[in-house]
């Protein structure tokens, strides 16, 4: 009786396991429309890293449009110098200063966990599977200055983009749309403009 039950159940169990595995793989392969994924790194065997670029949704895009611009009563060159100083004070390293087009690019690298925790996690991952955790990030700043349309002062347009890497080497990149990041930069820039 046990053998008959075991023989009858085995094909059913194999079929159910196959459906479960296929469903899991398909569910993980389905990316959101707002995400562009490069390099699928495998699900059961992690053989490569995955890079995901997340587009802003409509609400986030509207928020970005509200916070990305700021106007100053200054001329272009002093505003450019103030922007560079403000970024450096916030921990950014300038990677490009284009004085002809009044453009600044900078990046800020941050480690999110201590080296001790990284080492401990690496040792534990040798013994058991662990979910990935964010461990470092880079925020890129793009600042463009132009004369205000009415000729009075300078208009600063900014964009901050962040890439977060996890302990599997996968990354996730998105443009920041929260007001605090932009307000903090604009305040730092204003404080460095000549009075």
N, C-alpha and C. Protein backbone atom coordinates (compact mmCIF):
# COMPACT_ATOMS: atom_id res chain seq x y z
N UNK A 1 0.83 -1.20 0.00
CA UNK A 1 0.00 0.00 0.00
C UNK A 1 0.87 1.26 0.00
N UNK A 2 1.94 1.28 0.86
CA UNK A 2 2.83 2.43 0.93
C UNK A 2 3.53 2.65 -0.40
N UNK A 3 3.98 1.48 -1.04
CA UNK A 3 4.67 1.61 -2.31
C UNK A 3 3.76 2.17 -3.38
N UNK A 4 2.51 1.74 -3.39
CA UNK A 4 1.56 2.26 -4.40
C UNK A 4 1.33 3.75 -4.18
N UNK A 5 1.23 4.17 -2.92
CA UNK A 5 1.02 5.59 -2.62
C UNK A 5 2.25 6.39 -3.05
N UNK A 6 3.44 5.81 -2.74
CA UNK A 6 4.69 6.50 -3.07
C UNK A 6 4.82 6.63 -4.58
N UNK A 7 4.51 5.54 -5.35
CA UNK A 7 4.61 5.59 -6.81
C UNK A 7 3.60 6.56 -7.40
N UNK A 8 2.42 6.62 -6.85
CA UNK A 8 1.38 7.49 -7.36
C UNK A 8 1.66 8.96 -7.06
N UNK A 9 2.31 9.22 -5.95
CA UNK A 9 2.57 10.59 -5.54
C UNK A 9 3.82 11.17 -6.20
N UNK A 10 4.78 10.33 -6.56
CA UNK A 10 6.05 10.83 -7.10
C UNK A 10 5.85 11.68 -8.35
N UNK A 11 5.12 11.23 -9.37
CA UNK A 11 4.94 12.09 -10.55
C UNK A 11 4.20 13.39 -10.20
N UNK A 12 3.26 13.30 -9.28
CA UNK A 12 2.52 14.50 -8.87
C UNK A 12 3.45 15.50 -8.19
N UNK A 13 4.30 15.00 -7.27
CA UNK A 13 5.25 15.87 -6.58
C UNK A 13 6.24 16.50 -7.55
N UNK A 14 6.74 15.72 -8.51
CA UNK A 14 7.68 16.24 -9.50
C UNK A 14 7.01 17.32 -10.34
N UNK A 15 5.77 17.08 -10.75
CA UNK A 15 5.04 18.08 -11.55
C UNK A 15 4.82 19.36 -10.75
N UNK A 16 4.41 19.24 -9.48
CA UNK A 16 4.18 20.42 -8.66
C UNK A 16 5.48 21.19 -8.42
N UNK A 17 6.58 20.47 -8.19
CA UNK A 17 7.87 21.12 -8.00
C UNK A 17 8.28 21.86 -9.27
N UNK A 18 8.05 21.26 -10.42
CA UNK A 18 8.37 21.92 -11.70
C UNK A 18 7.57 23.19 -11.90
N UNK A 19 6.28 23.15 -11.59
CA UNK A 19 5.43 24.34 -11.71
C UNK A 19 5.91 25.43 -10.75
N UNK A 20 6.27 25.03 -9.52
CA UNK A 20 6.75 26.02 -8.53
C UNK A 20 8.04 26.68 -9.00
N UNK A 21 8.99 25.89 -9.47
CA UNK A 21 10.28 26.43 -9.92
C UNK A 21 10.07 27.35 -11.12
N UNK A 22 9.27 26.92 -12.09
CA UNK A 22 9.02 27.75 -13.28
C UNK A 22 8.34 29.05 -12.89
N UNK A 23 7.37 28.97 -11.97
CA UNK A 23 6.68 30.18 -11.53
C UNK A 23 7.61 31.14 -10.82
N UNK A 24 8.52 30.59 -10.01
CA UNK A 24 9.48 31.43 -9.29
C UNK A 24 10.41 32.14 -10.26
N UNK A 25 10.93 31.40 -11.24
CA UNK A 25 11.85 31.99 -12.22
C UNK A 25 11.13 33.06 -13.04
N UNK A 26 9.93 32.76 -13.50
CA UNK A 26 9.20 33.74 -14.31
C UNK A 26 8.85 34.97 -13.49
N UNK A 27 8.49 34.79 -12.23
CA UNK A 27 8.15 35.93 -11.38
C UNK A 27 9.37 36.82 -11.16
N UNK A 28 10.54 36.21 -11.02
CA UNK A 28 11.74 37.00 -10.80
C UNK A 28 12.21 37.68 -12.09
N UNK A 29 11.91 37.07 -13.24
CA UNK A 29 12.32 37.65 -14.51
C UNK A 29 11.45 38.83 -14.92
N UNK A 30 10.24 38.91 -14.38
CA UNK A 30 9.33 39.99 -14.75
C UNK A 30 9.81 41.29 -14.12
N UNK A 31 10.26 42.21 -14.96
CA UNK A 31 10.71 43.49 -14.43
C UNK A 31 9.59 44.50 -14.56
N UNK A 32 9.64 45.50 -13.71
CA UNK A 32 8.64 46.56 -13.75
C UNK A 32 8.88 47.42 -14.99
N UNK A 33 7.82 48.01 -15.54
CA UNK A 33 8.00 48.83 -16.73
C UNK A 33 8.94 50.01 -16.51
N UNK A 34 9.03 50.49 -15.26
CA UNK A 34 9.89 51.65 -14.98
C UNK A 34 11.35 51.26 -14.75
N UNK A 35 11.67 49.97 -14.85
CA UNK A 35 13.03 49.51 -14.60
C UNK A 35 13.67 48.96 -15.86
N UNK A 36 14.91 49.36 -16.09
CA UNK A 36 15.70 48.81 -17.19
C UNK A 36 16.81 47.99 -16.56
N UNK A 37 16.83 46.69 -16.85
CA UNK A 37 17.77 45.77 -16.22
C UNK A 37 18.81 45.35 -17.23
N UNK A 38 20.08 45.42 -16.82
CA UNK A 38 21.19 44.98 -17.64
C UNK A 38 21.92 43.87 -16.90
N UNK A 39 22.18 42.76 -17.56
CA UNK A 39 22.95 41.69 -16.95
C UNK A 39 22.18 40.91 -15.92
N UNK A 40 21.45 39.90 -16.34
CA UNK A 40 20.73 39.04 -15.40
C UNK A 40 21.75 38.10 -14.75
N UNK A 41 21.86 38.17 -13.44
CA UNK A 41 22.91 37.44 -12.75
C UNK A 41 22.55 36.05 -12.27
N UNK A 42 21.42 35.52 -12.67
CA UNK A 42 21.03 34.18 -12.24
C UNK A 42 20.22 34.22 -10.96
N UNK A 43 19.36 33.22 -10.79
CA UNK A 43 18.48 33.20 -9.62
C UNK A 43 18.95 32.19 -8.58
N UNK A 44 19.21 30.98 -9.01
CA UNK A 44 19.63 29.95 -8.07
C UNK A 44 21.14 29.92 -7.93
N UNK A 45 21.84 30.23 -9.00
CA UNK A 45 23.29 30.31 -8.99
C UNK A 45 23.65 31.73 -9.42
N UNK A 46 24.25 32.49 -8.53
CA UNK A 46 24.59 33.89 -8.83
C UNK A 46 25.91 33.90 -9.60
N UNK A 47 25.84 34.08 -10.92
CA UNK A 47 27.05 34.01 -11.75
C UNK A 47 27.46 35.36 -12.32
N UNK A 48 26.65 36.40 -12.16
CA UNK A 48 27.00 37.71 -12.67
C UNK A 48 26.19 38.76 -11.94
N UNK A 49 26.60 40.02 -12.07
CA UNK A 49 25.87 41.09 -11.40
C UNK A 49 24.74 41.61 -12.28
N UNK A 50 23.79 42.28 -11.64
CA UNK A 50 22.64 42.86 -12.33
C UNK A 50 22.61 44.35 -12.05
N UNK A 51 22.46 45.15 -13.10
CA UNK A 51 22.36 46.59 -12.96
C UNK A 51 20.94 47.01 -13.33
N UNK A 52 20.28 47.71 -12.41
CA UNK A 52 18.91 48.15 -12.64
C UNK A 52 18.85 49.67 -12.62
N UNK A 53 18.30 50.26 -13.68
CA UNK A 53 18.05 51.69 -13.75
C UNK A 53 16.56 51.92 -13.59
N UNK A 54 16.20 52.71 -12.58
CA UNK A 54 14.80 52.93 -12.26
C UNK A 54 14.39 54.31 -12.75
N UNK A 55 13.41 54.36 -13.63
CA UNK A 55 12.88 55.63 -14.13
C UNK A 55 11.92 56.21 -13.10
N UNK A 56 11.84 57.52 -13.05
CA UNK A 56 10.91 58.18 -12.15
C UNK A 56 9.48 57.96 -12.63
N UNK A 57 8.56 57.72 -11.70
CA UNK A 57 7.15 57.66 -12.08
C UNK A 57 6.63 59.10 -12.22
N UNK A 58 5.37 59.26 -12.60
CA UNK A 58 4.83 60.60 -12.85
C UNK A 58 4.90 61.49 -11.62
N UNK A 59 4.58 60.95 -10.46
CA UNK A 59 4.61 61.73 -9.23
C UNK A 59 6.03 62.19 -8.91
N UNK A 60 7.00 61.28 -9.04
CA UNK A 60 8.39 61.63 -8.77
C UNK A 60 8.93 62.63 -9.79
N UNK A 61 8.50 62.48 -11.05
CA UNK A 61 8.93 63.42 -12.09
C UNK A 61 8.41 64.82 -11.78
N UNK A 62 7.18 64.93 -11.36
CA UNK A 62 6.61 66.23 -10.98
C UNK A 62 7.35 66.82 -9.78
N UNK A 63 7.70 65.97 -8.82
CA UNK A 63 8.45 66.43 -7.65
C UNK A 63 9.82 66.95 -8.06
N UNK A 64 10.48 66.26 -8.99
CA UNK A 64 11.79 66.71 -9.48
C UNK A 64 11.69 68.06 -10.18
N UNK A 65 10.65 68.24 -10.98
CA UNK A 65 10.48 69.51 -11.68
C UNK A 65 10.30 70.67 -10.70
N UNK A 66 9.71 70.38 -9.53
CA UNK A 66 9.50 71.43 -8.53
C UNK A 66 10.77 71.79 -7.77
N UNK A 67 11.71 70.85 -7.64
CA UNK A 67 12.85 71.08 -6.76
C UNK A 67 14.19 71.28 -7.47
N UNK A 68 14.27 71.03 -8.76
CA UNK A 68 15.58 71.01 -9.42
C UNK A 68 16.14 72.39 -9.76
N UNK A 69 15.31 73.44 -9.81
CA UNK A 69 15.75 74.77 -10.22
C UNK A 69 15.74 75.74 -9.06
N UNK A 70 16.71 76.66 -9.10
CA UNK A 70 16.76 77.72 -8.08
C UNK A 70 17.39 78.94 -8.72
N UNK A 71 16.94 80.10 -8.30
CA UNK A 71 17.43 81.36 -8.87
C UNK A 71 18.25 82.13 -7.85
N UNK A 72 19.33 82.74 -8.31
CA UNK A 72 20.21 83.50 -7.44
C UNK A 72 20.47 84.88 -8.05
N UNK A 73 20.64 85.85 -7.18
CA UNK A 73 21.05 87.18 -7.62
C UNK A 73 22.57 87.21 -7.65
N UNK A 74 23.13 86.70 -8.71
CA UNK A 74 24.60 86.61 -8.84
C UNK A 74 24.94 86.54 -10.32
N UNK A 75 26.21 86.65 -10.62
CA UNK A 75 26.67 86.45 -11.99
C UNK A 75 27.18 85.02 -12.13
N UNK A 76 27.44 84.60 -13.35
CA UNK A 76 27.73 83.20 -13.64
C UNK A 76 29.00 82.68 -12.97
N UNK A 77 30.11 83.41 -13.12
CA UNK A 77 31.38 82.88 -12.60
C UNK A 77 31.39 82.73 -11.08
N UNK A 78 30.94 83.75 -10.31
CA UNK A 78 30.87 83.54 -8.85
C UNK A 78 29.91 82.41 -8.46
N UNK A 79 28.81 82.25 -9.19
CA UNK A 79 27.87 81.17 -8.90
C UNK A 79 28.50 79.80 -9.18
N UNK A 80 29.30 79.71 -10.23
CA UNK A 80 29.99 78.46 -10.55
C UNK A 80 30.98 78.11 -9.45
N UNK A 81 31.76 79.08 -9.00
CA UNK A 81 32.71 78.83 -7.91
C UNK A 81 31.99 78.43 -6.63
N UNK A 82 30.87 79.09 -6.34
CA UNK A 82 30.09 78.76 -5.14
C UNK A 82 29.52 77.35 -5.23
N UNK A 83 29.09 76.93 -6.41
CA UNK A 83 28.56 75.57 -6.60
C UNK A 83 29.64 74.52 -6.33
N UNK A 84 30.85 74.77 -6.84
CA UNK A 84 31.96 73.84 -6.61
C UNK A 84 32.28 73.76 -5.12
N UNK A 85 32.35 74.90 -4.45
CA UNK A 85 32.64 74.93 -3.01
C UNK A 85 31.55 74.21 -2.21
N UNK A 86 30.28 74.44 -2.58
CA UNK A 86 29.17 73.81 -1.87
C UNK A 86 29.23 72.29 -2.00
N UNK A 87 29.52 71.81 -3.19
CA UNK A 87 29.61 70.36 -3.40
C UNK A 87 30.76 69.76 -2.61
N UNK A 88 31.90 70.42 -2.64
CA UNK A 88 33.07 69.89 -1.90
C UNK A 88 32.79 69.87 -0.40
N UNK A 89 32.10 70.89 0.10
CA UNK A 89 31.76 70.93 1.53
C UNK A 89 30.82 69.79 1.91
N UNK A 90 30.04 69.29 0.97
CA UNK A 90 29.11 68.19 1.23
C UNK A 90 29.74 66.82 0.96
N UNK A 91 31.05 66.80 0.69
CA UNK A 91 31.75 65.54 0.50
C UNK A 91 31.87 65.08 -0.93
N UNK A 92 31.47 65.90 -1.88
CA UNK A 92 31.56 65.54 -3.30
C UNK A 92 32.96 65.85 -3.84
N UNK A 93 33.39 65.01 -4.76
CA UNK A 93 34.64 65.26 -5.47
C UNK A 93 34.26 65.69 -6.88
N UNK A 94 34.69 66.87 -7.28
CA UNK A 94 34.33 67.35 -8.61
C UNK A 94 35.09 66.56 -9.67
N UNK A 95 34.36 66.10 -10.66
CA UNK A 95 34.96 65.34 -11.75
C UNK A 95 35.04 66.15 -13.04
N UNK A 96 34.25 67.24 -13.12
CA UNK A 96 34.30 68.10 -14.30
C UNK A 96 33.84 69.51 -13.91
N UNK A 97 34.64 70.50 -14.29
CA UNK A 97 34.23 71.90 -14.15
C UNK A 97 34.42 72.53 -15.53
N UNK A 98 33.32 72.82 -16.20
CA UNK A 98 33.35 73.40 -17.54
C UNK A 98 32.95 74.87 -17.41
N UNK A 99 33.94 75.75 -17.45
CA UNK A 99 33.68 77.18 -17.26
C UNK A 99 33.03 77.82 -18.49
N UNK A 100 33.24 77.24 -19.64
CA UNK A 100 32.63 77.80 -20.85
C UNK A 100 31.12 77.61 -20.85
N UNK A 101 30.68 76.43 -20.44
CA UNK A 101 29.25 76.15 -20.43
C UNK A 101 28.65 76.20 -19.02
N UNK A 102 29.46 76.57 -18.02
CA UNK A 102 29.00 76.71 -16.64
C UNK A 102 28.32 75.43 -16.14
N UNK A 103 29.11 74.38 -16.21
CA UNK A 103 28.64 73.04 -15.85
C UNK A 103 29.58 72.43 -14.82
N UNK A 104 29.01 71.78 -13.81
CA UNK A 104 29.80 71.08 -12.79
C UNK A 104 29.25 69.66 -12.65
N UNK A 105 30.16 68.70 -12.68
CA UNK A 105 29.80 67.31 -12.37
C UNK A 105 30.63 66.88 -11.18
N UNK A 106 30.02 66.15 -10.27
CA UNK A 106 30.73 65.71 -9.07
C UNK A 106 30.13 64.39 -8.60
N UNK A 107 30.88 63.69 -7.74
CA UNK A 107 30.40 62.43 -7.19
C UNK A 107 30.79 62.31 -5.73
N UNK A 108 29.95 61.60 -5.00
CA UNK A 108 30.18 61.38 -3.57
C UNK A 108 30.01 59.90 -3.29
N UNK A 109 31.10 59.23 -2.88
CA UNK A 109 31.09 57.80 -2.59
C UNK A 109 30.93 57.59 -1.09
N UNK A 110 30.06 56.67 -0.71
CA UNK A 110 29.81 56.39 0.71
C UNK A 110 29.78 54.89 0.95
N UNK A 111 30.41 54.46 2.03
CA UNK A 111 30.31 53.08 2.48
C UNK A 111 29.18 53.01 3.50
N UNK A 112 28.26 52.08 3.31
CA UNK A 112 27.06 52.01 4.15
C UNK A 112 27.20 51.08 5.35
N UNK A 113 28.20 50.19 5.31
CA UNK A 113 28.42 49.28 6.44
C UNK A 113 29.90 49.27 6.77
N UNK A 114 30.22 48.88 7.99
CA UNK A 114 31.63 48.85 8.41
C UNK A 114 32.35 47.68 7.74
N UNK A 115 33.68 47.77 7.70
CA UNK A 115 34.48 46.71 7.09
C UNK A 115 34.31 45.41 7.88
N UNK A 116 34.19 45.52 9.20
CA UNK A 116 33.99 44.33 10.02
C UNK A 116 32.72 43.58 9.65
N UNK A 117 31.64 44.33 9.42
CA UNK A 117 30.38 43.69 9.02
C UNK A 117 30.49 43.09 7.64
N UNK A 118 31.22 43.76 6.73
CA UNK A 118 31.40 43.20 5.39
C UNK A 118 32.15 41.86 5.46
N UNK A 119 33.20 41.81 6.27
CA UNK A 119 33.99 40.58 6.40
C UNK A 119 33.14 39.48 7.02
N UNK A 120 32.41 39.80 8.10
CA UNK A 120 31.55 38.81 8.76
C UNK A 120 30.52 38.27 7.78
N UNK A 121 29.91 39.15 7.00
CA UNK A 121 28.90 38.73 6.03
C UNK A 121 29.53 37.81 4.97
N UNK A 122 30.75 38.16 4.53
CA UNK A 122 31.44 37.32 3.54
C UNK A 122 31.71 35.92 4.07
N UNK A 123 32.11 35.83 5.33
CA UNK A 123 32.37 34.52 5.95
C UNK A 123 31.07 33.72 6.07
N UNK A 124 30.00 34.38 6.52
CA UNK A 124 28.72 33.68 6.67
C UNK A 124 28.17 33.22 5.33
N UNK A 125 28.38 34.03 4.27
CA UNK A 125 27.86 33.64 2.95
C UNK A 125 28.56 32.41 2.39
N UNK A 126 29.78 32.12 2.89
CA UNK A 126 30.47 30.90 2.48
C UNK A 126 29.79 29.66 3.04
N UNK A 127 29.06 29.85 4.15
CA UNK A 127 28.45 28.72 4.83
C UNK A 127 26.96 28.56 4.58
N UNK A 128 26.29 29.68 4.27
CA UNK A 128 24.84 29.61 4.08
C UNK A 128 24.40 30.74 3.14
N UNK A 129 23.30 30.53 2.43
CA UNK A 129 22.80 31.60 1.56
C UNK A 129 22.20 32.74 2.39
N UNK A 130 22.59 33.96 2.07
CA UNK A 130 22.06 35.13 2.75
C UNK A 130 21.48 36.10 1.72
N UNK A 131 20.41 36.80 2.06
CA UNK A 131 19.90 37.81 1.13
C UNK A 131 20.89 38.96 1.03
N UNK A 132 20.91 39.60 -0.13
CA UNK A 132 21.85 40.70 -0.33
C UNK A 132 21.41 41.93 0.46
N UNK A 133 22.38 42.75 0.85
CA UNK A 133 22.13 43.98 1.59
C UNK A 133 22.93 45.10 0.95
N UNK A 134 22.39 46.34 0.92
CA UNK A 134 23.16 47.47 0.38
C UNK A 134 24.43 47.67 1.19
N UNK A 135 25.59 47.86 0.49
CA UNK A 135 26.82 48.08 1.25
C UNK A 135 27.58 49.34 0.86
N UNK A 136 27.37 49.89 -0.34
CA UNK A 136 27.97 51.18 -0.65
C UNK A 136 27.17 51.87 -1.75
N UNK A 137 27.35 53.19 -1.86
CA UNK A 137 26.59 53.94 -2.84
C UNK A 137 27.40 55.11 -3.37
N UNK A 138 27.03 55.57 -4.56
CA UNK A 138 27.62 56.75 -5.17
C UNK A 138 26.50 57.68 -5.58
N UNK A 139 26.62 58.95 -5.19
CA UNK A 139 25.67 59.97 -5.63
C UNK A 139 26.38 60.90 -6.59
N UNK A 140 25.81 61.05 -7.77
CA UNK A 140 26.39 61.93 -8.80
C UNK A 140 25.57 63.21 -8.87
N UNK A 141 26.27 64.34 -8.90
CA UNK A 141 25.62 65.65 -8.99
C UNK A 141 25.95 66.26 -10.35
N UNK A 142 24.93 66.83 -10.97
CA UNK A 142 25.09 67.57 -12.22
C UNK A 142 24.47 68.95 -12.00
N UNK A 143 25.29 70.00 -12.10
CA UNK A 143 24.84 71.37 -11.86
C UNK A 143 25.09 72.17 -13.13
N UNK A 144 24.05 72.81 -13.64
CA UNK A 144 24.15 73.64 -14.84
C UNK A 144 23.66 75.04 -14.49
N UNK A 145 24.47 76.03 -14.80
CA UNK A 145 24.13 77.42 -14.51
C UNK A 145 23.91 78.17 -15.82
N UNK A 146 22.90 79.04 -15.82
CA UNK A 146 22.60 79.83 -17.02
C UNK A 146 22.03 81.17 -16.58
N UNK A 147 22.17 82.20 -17.43
CA UNK A 147 21.54 83.48 -17.09
C UNK A 147 20.03 83.29 -16.98
N UNK A 148 19.42 83.94 -16.00
CA UNK A 148 17.96 83.88 -15.86
C UNK A 148 17.32 84.44 -17.12
N UNK A 149 16.15 83.92 -17.52
CA UNK A 149 15.51 84.36 -18.77
C UNK A 149 15.27 85.86 -18.86
N UNK A 150 15.03 86.51 -17.72
CA UNK A 150 14.79 87.96 -17.75
C UNK A 150 16.08 88.77 -17.61
N UNK A 151 17.23 88.06 -17.59
CA UNK A 151 18.51 88.75 -17.49
C UNK A 151 18.89 89.18 -16.09
N UNK A 152 18.08 88.84 -15.09
CA UNK A 152 18.34 89.22 -13.70
C UNK A 152 18.81 88.00 -12.92
N UNK A 153 20.10 87.88 -12.74
CA UNK A 153 20.64 86.80 -11.93
C UNK A 153 20.93 85.53 -12.70
N UNK A 154 21.04 84.44 -11.94
CA UNK A 154 21.47 83.14 -12.48
C UNK A 154 20.43 82.09 -12.11
N UNK A 155 20.18 81.19 -13.04
CA UNK A 155 19.31 80.04 -12.79
C UNK A 155 20.19 78.81 -12.66
N UNK A 156 20.04 78.08 -11.56
CA UNK A 156 20.78 76.83 -11.35
C UNK A 156 19.83 75.66 -11.54
N UNK A 157 20.20 74.75 -12.41
CA UNK A 157 19.43 73.51 -12.60
C UNK A 157 20.29 72.35 -12.14
N UNK A 158 19.73 71.50 -11.31
CA UNK A 158 20.50 70.41 -10.71
C UNK A 158 19.83 69.07 -10.93
N UNK A 159 20.67 68.03 -10.83
CA UNK A 159 20.16 66.65 -10.83
C UNK A 159 21.10 65.81 -9.99
N UNK A 160 20.54 65.09 -9.05
CA UNK A 160 21.30 64.15 -8.24
C UNK A 160 20.84 62.74 -8.57
N UNK A 161 21.80 61.89 -8.90
CA UNK A 161 21.49 60.50 -9.26
C UNK A 161 22.29 59.57 -8.35
N UNK A 162 21.61 58.57 -7.79
CA UNK A 162 22.26 57.69 -6.82
C UNK A 162 22.27 56.25 -7.33
N UNK A 163 23.44 55.60 -7.15
CA UNK A 163 23.59 54.18 -7.44
C UNK A 163 23.95 53.47 -6.14
N UNK A 164 23.17 52.45 -5.80
CA UNK A 164 23.41 51.67 -4.58
C UNK A 164 23.82 50.27 -5.00
N UNK A 165 24.96 49.80 -4.48
CA UNK A 165 25.44 48.44 -4.73
C UNK A 165 25.17 47.59 -3.51
N UNK A 166 24.82 46.32 -3.76
CA UNK A 166 24.57 45.42 -2.63
C UNK A 166 25.71 44.42 -2.50
N UNK A 167 25.58 43.55 -1.52
CA UNK A 167 26.65 42.60 -1.21
C UNK A 167 26.83 41.52 -2.27
N UNK A 168 25.93 41.44 -3.25
CA UNK A 168 26.10 40.52 -4.38
C UNK A 168 26.74 41.21 -5.57
N UNK A 169 27.02 42.51 -5.46
CA UNK A 169 27.59 43.25 -6.58
C UNK A 169 26.55 43.81 -7.52
N UNK A 170 25.26 43.63 -7.20
CA UNK A 170 24.18 44.18 -8.03
C UNK A 170 24.01 45.66 -7.71
N UNK A 171 23.53 46.43 -8.68
CA UNK A 171 23.35 47.87 -8.44
C UNK A 171 21.96 48.31 -8.86
N UNK A 172 21.54 49.42 -8.26
CA UNK A 172 20.23 50.02 -8.54
C UNK A 172 20.43 51.53 -8.61
N UNK A 173 20.10 52.14 -9.76
CA UNK A 173 20.34 53.56 -10.00
C UNK A 173 19.03 54.28 -10.22
N UNK A 174 18.89 55.45 -9.58
CA UNK A 174 17.70 56.26 -9.77
C UNK A 174 18.05 57.73 -9.55
N UNK A 175 17.29 58.60 -10.20
CA UNK A 175 17.43 60.04 -9.99
C UNK A 175 16.67 60.40 -8.72
N UNK A 176 17.30 61.19 -7.86
CA UNK A 176 16.64 61.59 -6.62
C UNK A 176 15.62 62.69 -6.89
N UNK A 177 14.49 62.60 -6.23
CA UNK A 177 13.45 63.61 -6.41
C UNK A 177 12.99 64.21 -5.09
N UNK A 178 13.64 63.80 -3.97
CA UNK A 178 13.23 64.34 -2.67
C UNK A 178 13.77 65.76 -2.50
N UNK A 179 12.95 66.62 -1.95
CA UNK A 179 13.29 68.04 -1.84
C UNK A 179 14.49 68.27 -0.93
N UNK A 180 14.69 67.45 0.09
CA UNK A 180 15.75 67.73 1.07
C UNK A 180 17.14 67.74 0.44
N UNK A 181 17.40 66.83 -0.48
CA UNK A 181 18.72 66.78 -1.13
C UNK A 181 18.98 68.07 -1.89
N UNK A 182 18.00 68.55 -2.63
CA UNK A 182 18.16 69.75 -3.44
C UNK A 182 18.20 71.00 -2.57
N UNK A 183 17.33 71.07 -1.57
CA UNK A 183 17.31 72.24 -0.68
C UNK A 183 18.63 72.39 0.07
N UNK A 184 19.20 71.26 0.49
CA UNK A 184 20.47 71.31 1.21
C UNK A 184 21.57 71.88 0.31
N UNK A 185 21.61 71.44 -0.94
CA UNK A 185 22.62 71.96 -1.87
C UNK A 185 22.39 73.45 -2.16
N UNK A 186 21.15 73.82 -2.47
CA UNK A 186 20.87 75.22 -2.79
C UNK A 186 21.19 76.14 -1.62
N UNK A 187 20.92 75.69 -0.40
CA UNK A 187 21.27 76.50 0.76
C UNK A 187 22.77 76.66 0.91
N UNK A 188 23.52 75.57 0.67
CA UNK A 188 24.97 75.63 0.76
C UNK A 188 25.54 76.54 -0.32
N UNK A 189 24.95 76.50 -1.52
CA UNK A 189 25.41 77.37 -2.60
C UNK A 189 25.15 78.83 -2.26
N UNK A 190 23.97 79.13 -1.76
CA UNK A 190 23.61 80.52 -1.42
C UNK A 190 24.55 81.09 -0.36
N UNK A 191 24.94 80.25 0.60
CA UNK A 191 25.79 80.75 1.68
C UNK A 191 27.21 81.07 1.21
N UNK A 192 27.58 80.57 0.03
CA UNK A 192 28.93 80.81 -0.50
C UNK A 192 28.98 81.88 -1.59
N UNK A 193 27.84 82.43 -1.93
CA UNK A 193 27.83 83.51 -2.92
C UNK A 193 28.29 84.82 -2.27
N UNK A 194 29.02 85.65 -3.03
CA UNK A 194 29.45 86.95 -2.46
C UNK A 194 28.23 87.81 -2.14
N UNK A 195 28.31 88.52 -1.02
CA UNK A 195 27.20 89.39 -0.59
C UNK A 195 27.30 90.74 -1.27
